[in-house]
Amino acid sequence: MSAFCRRAYEEDGQWLALTYECPNCDTSWHDEWSCEVDDDCPTCGTSCSPADAEEIEID
């Protein structure tokens, strides 16, 4: 976890379910972070921003 995301989680206590959609190869995937972060497409490696983010609770 990046220092920025760690600080965001410690300050806000939020956790996000992120959905990504690659504009180059149409691959969709999900990940969970404490803040919205770009991720690399698992198929073609393109850097993608989240298409959607939903706050979730963690234990």
PDB file of N, CA and C in Angstrom:
ATOM      1  N   MET A   1       0.847  -1.172   0.000  1.00  0.00           N
ATOM      2  CA  MET A   1       0.000   0.000   0.000  1.00  0.00           C
ATOM      3  C   MET A   1       0.890   1.231   0.000  1.00  0.00           C
ATOM      4  N   SER A   2       0.563   2.188  -0.844  1.00  0.00           N
ATOM      5  CA  SER A   2       1.353   3.413  -0.903  1.00  0.00           C
ATOM      6  C   SER A   2       1.159   4.222   0.371  1.00  0.00           C
ATOM      7  N   ALA A   3       2.093   5.102   0.654  1.00  0.00           N
ATOM      8  CA  ALA A   3       1.985   5.954   1.837  1.00  0.00           C
ATOM      9  C   ALA A   3       0.730   6.817   1.762  1.00  0.00           C
ATOM     10  N   PHE A   4       0.401   7.298   0.554  1.00  0.00           N
ATOM     11  CA  PHE A   4      -0.802   8.112   0.377  1.00  0.00           C
ATOM     12  C   PHE A   4      -2.049   7.317   0.739  1.00  0.00           C
ATOM     13  N   CYS A   5      -2.158   6.083   0.246  1.00  0.00           N
ATOM     14  CA  CYS A   5      -3.327   5.252   0.533  1.00  0.00           C
ATOM     15  C   CYS A   5      -3.382   4.874   2.002  1.00  0.00           C
ATOM     16  N   ARG A   6      -2.243   4.577   2.600  1.00  0.00           N
ATOM     17  CA  ARG A   6      -2.200   4.232   4.022  1.00  0.00           C
ATOM     18  C   ARG A   6      -2.704   5.412   4.850  1.00  0.00           C
ATOM     19  N   ARG A   7      -2.250   6.618   4.528  1.00  0.00           N
ATOM     20  CA  ARG A   7      -2.684   7.812   5.247  1.00  0.00           C
ATOM     21  C   ARG A   7      -4.180   8.039   5.046  1.00  0.00           C
ATOM     22  N   ALA A   8      -4.676   7.845   3.825  1.00  0.00           N
ATOM     23  CA  ALA A   8      -6.105   8.013   3.549  1.00  0.00           C
ATOM     24  C   ALA A   8      -6.923   7.024   4.375  1.00  0.00           C
ATOM     25  N   TYR A   9      -6.464   5.788   4.484  1.00  0.00           N
ATOM     26  CA  TYR A   9      -7.190   4.788   5.258  1.00  0.00           C
ATOM     27  C   TYR A   9      -7.172   5.138   6.736  1.00  0.00           C
ATOM     28  N   GLU A  10      -6.010   5.550   7.242  1.00  0.00           N
ATOM     29  CA  GLU A  10      -5.898   5.887   8.661  1.00  0.00           C
ATOM     30  C   GLU A  10      -6.749   7.102   9.014  1.00  0.00           C
ATOM     31  N   GLU A  11      -6.836   8.067   8.107  1.00  0.00           N
ATOM     32  CA  GLU A  11      -7.612   9.278   8.367  1.00  0.00           C
ATOM     33  C   GLU A  11      -9.111   9.061   8.175  1.00  0.00           C
ATOM     34  N   ASP A  12      -9.496   8.358   7.127  1.00  0.00           N
ATOM     35  CA  ASP A  12     -10.908   8.219   6.778  1.00  0.00           C
ATOM     36  C   ASP A  12     -11.508   6.871   7.171  1.00  0.00           C
ATOM     37  N   GLY A  13     -10.687   5.853   7.320  1.00  0.00           N
ATOM     38  CA  GLY A  13     -11.190   4.526   7.641  1.00  0.00           C
ATOM     39  C   GLY A  13     -11.972   3.883   6.521  1.00  0.00           C
ATOM     40  N   GLN A  14     -11.822   4.386   5.302  1.00  0.00           N
ATOM     41  CA  GLN A  14     -12.580   3.829   4.186  1.00  0.00           C
ATOM     42  C   GLN A  14     -11.767   2.774   3.441  1.00  0.00           C
ATOM     43  N   TRP A  15     -12.488   1.896   2.802  1.00  0.00           N
ATOM     44  CA  TRP A  15     -11.886   0.890   1.928  1.00  0.00           C
ATOM     45  C   TRP A  15     -12.766   0.828   0.697  1.00  0.00           C
ATOM     46  N   LEU A  16     -12.154   0.758  -0.470  1.00  0.00           N
ATOM     47  CA  LEU A  16     -12.906   0.848  -1.718  1.00  0.00           C
ATOM     48  C   LEU A  16     -12.787  -0.403  -2.567  1.00  0.00           C
ATOM     49  N   ALA A  17     -13.904  -0.803  -3.148  1.00  0.00           N
ATOM     50  CA  ALA A  17     -13.909  -1.828  -4.180  1.00  0.00           C
ATOM     51  C   ALA A  17     -13.832  -1.074  -5.500  1.00  0.00           C
ATOM     52  N   LEU A  18     -12.746  -1.265  -6.232  1.00  0.00           N
ATOM     53  CA  LEU A  18     -12.505  -0.538  -7.475  1.00  0.00           C
ATOM     54  C   LEU A  18     -12.755  -1.438  -8.674  1.00  0.00           C
ATOM     55  N   THR A  19     -13.392  -0.883  -9.689  1.00  0.00           N
ATOM     56  CA  THR A  19     -13.613  -1.578 -10.952  1.00  0.00           C
ATOM     57  C   THR A  19     -12.820  -0.858 -12.028  1.00  0.00           C
ATOM     58  N   TYR A  20     -12.096  -1.628 -12.816  1.00  0.00           N
ATOM     59  CA  TYR A  20     -11.281  -1.085 -13.903  1.00  0.00           C
ATOM     60  C   TYR A  20     -11.767  -1.648 -15.227  1.00  0.00           C
ATOM     61  N   GLU A  21     -11.645  -0.835 -16.275  1.00  0.00           N
ATOM     62  CA  GLU A  21     -11.977  -1.260 -17.633  1.00  0.00           C
ATOM     63  C   GLU A  21     -10.888  -0.729 -18.556  1.00  0.00           C
ATOM     64  N   CYS A  22     -10.158  -1.610 -19.200  1.00  0.00           N
ATOM     65  CA  CYS A  22      -9.070  -1.199 -20.072  1.00  0.00           C
ATOM     66  C   CYS A  22      -9.618  -0.695 -21.407  1.00  0.00           C
ATOM     67  N   PRO A  23      -9.239   0.522 -21.802  1.00  0.00           N
ATOM     68  CA  PRO A  23      -9.720   1.054 -23.074  1.00  0.00           C
ATOM     69  C   PRO A  23      -9.046   0.417 -24.295  1.00  0.00           C
ATOM     70  N   ASN A  24      -7.910  -0.262 -24.085  1.00  0.00           N
ATOM     71  CA  ASN A  24      -7.184  -0.858 -25.212  1.00  0.00           C
ATOM     72  C   ASN A  24      -7.646  -2.262 -25.561  1.00  0.00           C
ATOM     73  N   CYS A  25      -7.967  -3.068 -24.551  1.00  0.00           N
ATOM     74  CA  CYS A  25      -8.307  -4.473 -24.850  1.00  0.00           C
ATOM     75  C   CYS A  25      -9.644  -4.916 -24.247  1.00  0.00           C
ATOM     76  N   ASP A  26     -10.369  -3.983 -23.608  1.00  0.00           N
ATOM     77  CA  ASP A  26     -11.699  -4.245 -23.041  1.00  0.00           C
ATOM     78  C   ASP A  26     -11.710  -5.228 -21.875  1.00  0.00           C
ATOM     79  N   THR A  27     -10.558  -5.473 -21.252  1.00  0.00           N
ATOM     80  CA  THR A  27     -10.508  -6.317 -20.063  1.00  0.00           C
ATOM     81  C   THR A  27     -11.086  -5.546 -18.884  1.00  0.00           C
ATOM     82  N   SER A  28     -11.891  -6.198 -18.056  1.00  0.00           N
ATOM     83  CA  SER A  28     -12.418  -5.616 -16.821  1.00  0.00           C
ATOM     84  C   SER A  28     -11.885  -6.424 -15.648  1.00  0.00           C
ATOM     85  N   TRP A  29     -11.580  -5.744 -14.540  1.00  0.00           N
ATOM     86  CA  TRP A  29     -11.129  -6.432 -13.334  1.00  0.00           C
ATOM     87  C   TRP A  29     -11.461  -5.593 -12.111  1.00  0.00           C
ATOM     88  N   HIS A  30     -11.360  -6.209 -10.939  1.00  0.00           N
ATOM     89  CA  HIS A  30     -11.681  -5.569  -9.673  1.00  0.00           C
ATOM     90  C   HIS A  30     -10.471  -5.653  -8.749  1.00  0.00           C
ATOM     91  N   ASP A  31     -10.381  -4.677  -7.861  1.00  0.00           N
ATOM     92  CA  ASP A  31      -9.343  -4.678  -6.831  1.00  0.00           C
ATOM     93  C   ASP A  31      -9.876  -3.892  -5.644  1.00  0.00           C
ATOM     94  N   GLU A  32      -9.226  -4.016  -4.503  1.00  0.00           N
ATOM     95  CA  GLU A  32      -9.633  -3.287  -3.310  1.00  0.00           C
ATOM     96  C   GLU A  32      -8.455  -2.493  -2.777  1.00  0.00           C
ATOM     97  N   TRP A  33      -8.710  -1.199  -2.491  1.00  0.00           N
ATOM     98  CA  TRP A  33      -7.691  -0.297  -1.968  1.00  0.00           C
ATOM     99  C   TRP A  33      -8.344   0.653  -0.983  1.00  0.00           C
ATOM    100  N   SER A  34      -7.504   1.378  -0.253  1.00  0.00           N
ATOM    101  CA  SER A  34      -8.015   2.390   0.667  1.00  0.00           C
ATOM    102  C   SER A  34      -8.187   3.741  -0.014  1.00  0.00           C
ATOM    103  N   CYS A  35      -7.776   3.849  -1.278  1.00  0.00           N
ATOM    104  CA  CYS A  35      -7.972   5.078  -2.061  1.00  0.00           C
ATOM    105  C   CYS A  35      -8.010   4.677  -3.533  1.00  0.00           C
ATOM    106  N   GLU A  36      -8.452   5.606  -4.364  1.00  0.00           N
ATOM    107  CA  GLU A  36      -8.511   5.320  -5.795  1.00  0.00           C
ATOM    108  C   GLU A  36      -7.110   5.426  -6.389  1.00  0.00           C
ATOM    109  N   VAL A  37      -6.633   4.329  -6.947  1.00  0.00           N
ATOM    110  CA  VAL A  37      -5.302   4.280  -7.545  1.00  0.00           C
ATOM    111  C   VAL A  37      -5.389   3.686  -8.945  1.00  0.00           C
ATOM    112  N   ASP A  38      -4.483   4.103  -9.806  1.00  0.00           N
ATOM    113  CA  ASP A  38      -4.386   3.491 -11.122  1.00  0.00           C
ATOM    114  C   ASP A  38      -3.816   2.086 -10.975  1.00  0.00           C
ATOM    115  N   ASP A  39      -4.155   1.228 -11.907  1.00  0.00           N
ATOM    116  CA  ASP A  39      -3.662  -0.150 -11.905  1.00  0.00           C
ATOM    117  C   ASP A  39      -3.310  -0.520 -13.338  1.00  0.00           C
ATOM    118  N   ASP A  40      -2.422  -1.473 -13.500  1.00  0.00           N
ATOM    119  CA  ASP A  40      -2.049  -1.948 -14.826  1.00  0.00           C
ATOM    120  C   ASP A  40      -2.977  -3.082 -15.247  1.00  0.00           C
ATOM    121  N   CYS A  41      -3.432  -3.012 -16.485  1.00  0.00           N
ATOM    122  CA  CYS A  41      -4.288  -4.058 -17.029  1.00  0.00           C
ATOM    123  C   CYS A  41      -3.556  -5.392 -16.964  1.00  0.00           C
ATOM    124  N   PRO A  42      -4.199  -6.430 -16.427  1.00  0.00           N
ATOM    125  CA  PRO A  42      -3.538  -7.735 -16.334  1.00  0.00           C
ATOM    126  C   PRO A  42      -3.334  -8.410 -17.692  1.00  0.00           C
ATOM    127  N   THR A  43      -4.019  -7.936 -18.722  1.00  0.00           N
ATOM    128  CA  THR A  43      -3.907  -8.531 -20.050  1.00  0.00           C
ATOM    129  C   THR A  43      -2.848  -7.853 -20.908  1.00  0.00           C
ATOM    130  N   CYS A  44      -2.901  -6.507 -20.983  1.00  0.00           N
ATOM    131  CA  CYS A  44      -2.001  -5.808 -21.915  1.00  0.00           C
ATOM    132  C   CYS A  44      -1.031  -4.840 -21.242  1.00  0.00           C
ATOM    133  N   GLY A  45      -1.194  -4.597 -19.927  1.00  0.00           N
ATOM    134  CA  GLY A  45      -0.259  -3.754 -19.194  1.00  0.00           C
ATOM    135  C   GLY A  45      -0.539  -2.261 -19.245  1.00  0.00           C
ATOM    136  N   THR A  46      -1.619  -1.840 -19.890  1.00  0.00           N
ATOM    137  CA  THR A  46      -1.971  -0.424 -19.958  1.00  0.00           C
ATOM    138  C   THR A  46      -2.336   0.092 -18.571  1.00  0.00           C
ATOM    139  N   SER A  47      -1.845   1.265 -18.204  1.00  0.00           N
ATOM    140  CA  SER A  47      -2.205   1.885 -16.934  1.00  0.00           C
ATOM    141  C   SER A  47      -3.629   2.428 -17.044  1.00  0.00           C
ATOM    142  N   CYS A  48      -4.487   2.056 -16.084  1.00  0.00           N
ATOM    143  CA  CYS A  48      -5.894   2.440 -16.123  1.00  0.00           C
ATOM    144  C   CYS A  48      -6.316   3.046 -14.793  1.00  0.00           C
ATOM    145  N   SER A  49      -7.151   4.061 -14.874  1.00  0.00           N
ATOM    146  CA  SER A  49      -7.773   4.643 -13.685  1.00  0.00           C
ATOM    147  C   SER A  49      -9.053   3.868 -13.391  1.00  0.00           C
ATOM    148  N   PRO A  50      -9.508   3.869 -12.140  1.00  0.00           N
ATOM    149  CA  PRO A  50     -10.742   3.159 -11.820  1.00  0.00           C
ATOM    150  C   PRO A  50     -11.930   3.735 -12.596  1.00  0.00           C
ATOM    151  N   ALA A  51     -12.762   2.854 -13.103  1.00  0.00           N
ATOM    152  CA  ALA A  51     -13.988   3.266 -13.776  1.00  0.00           C
ATOM    153  C   ALA A  51     -15.101   3.495 -12.761  1.00  0.00           C
ATOM    154  N   ASP A  52     -14.988   2.816 -11.600  1.00  0.00           N
ATOM    155  CA  ASP A  52     -15.995   2.931 -10.555  1.00  0.00           C
ATOM    156  C   ASP A  52     -15.345   2.602  -9.227  1.00  0.00           C
ATOM    157  N   ALA A  53     -15.848   3.208  -8.159  1.00  0.00           N
ATOM    158  CA  ALA A  53     -15.353   2.933  -6.808  1.00  0.00           C
ATOM    159  C   ALA A  53     -16.541   2.900  -5.871  1.00  0.00           C
ATOM    160  N   GLU A  54     -16.584   1.867  -5.036  1.00  0.00           N
ATOM    161  CA  GLU A  54     -17.663   1.719  -4.063  1.00  0.00           C
ATOM    162  C   GLU A  54     -17.058   1.493  -2.691  1.00  0.00           C
ATOM    163  N   GLU A  55     -17.487   2.274  -1.713  1.00  0.00           N
ATOM    164  CA  GLU A  55     -16.961   2.114  -0.364  1.00  0.00           C
ATOM    165  C   GLU A  55     -17.493   0.823   0.246  1.00  0.00           C
ATOM    166  N   ILE A  56     -16.597   0.064   0.867  1.00  0.00           N
ATOM    167  CA  ILE A  56     -16.965  -1.192   1.497  1.00  0.00           C
ATOM    168  C   ILE A  56     -16.426  -1.201   2.925  1.00  0.00           C
ATOM    169  N   GLU A  57     -16.947  -2.086   3.755  1.00  0.00           N
ATOM    170  CA  GLU A  57     -16.458  -2.247   5.113  1.00  0.00           C
ATOM    171  C   GLU A  57     -15.518  -3.433   5.172  1.00  0.00           C
ATOM    172  N   ILE A  58     -14.466  -3.290   5.968  1.00  0.00           N
ATOM    173  CA  ILE A  58     -13.559  -4.413   6.189  1.00  0.00           C
ATOM    174  C   ILE A  58     -13.524  -4.718   7.664  1.00  0.00           C
ATOM    175  N   ASP A  59     -13.185  -5.960   7.969  1.00  0.00           N
ATOM    176  CA  ASP A  59     -13.113  -6.390   9.377  1.00  0.00           C
ATOM    177  C   ASP A  59     -11.747  -6.121   9.943  1.00  0.00           C
TER     178      ASP A  59
END
